[in-house]
Amino acid sequence: VASSNIQMSRFDGKVWTMDAKITIMGEWDPEETRGYNNFNAFERDDQGNCCDANGKFPGEGNYKDPKRPDTNWESMTRDRETMVKVNADPKMAIKGKKGNWKRGWDKTLGMIPAEQL
């Protein structure tokens, strides 16, 4: 089996929590090319879908349904309050940069290693 040097997000295979999304968003550099660790975790695709922990959307190659945290009324209320702050972040208004989603963004990243599928 050939080894691969392709690195998926450090959150791949883990629970895709609000804290994980905020971490990815905080590190996101929209001026740099979008990648498995450089994406806006709250950005939506052209169908309104949310991404997985690698920045992939349903319908893109190797999209994985994220592991979601358990939820209840209290956590949903906290998440709703957090999203008010997230949506107020100027980064949420950034469009058309190399780090933003666009169809086909992942074509040059190669295939996900089999051991990470």
Foldseek 3Di string as FASTA:
>chain_A
DDDDPQDAAPCQPHACEPVLLVVLQVPADLQDAAWQSHANQADAAPVRFGAESRRDGPPDPPGDDHHHDDDDPVVVVVVVVVVVVVCVPPVVVDPDGNRYDDPPSCVPSDDDPPVRD
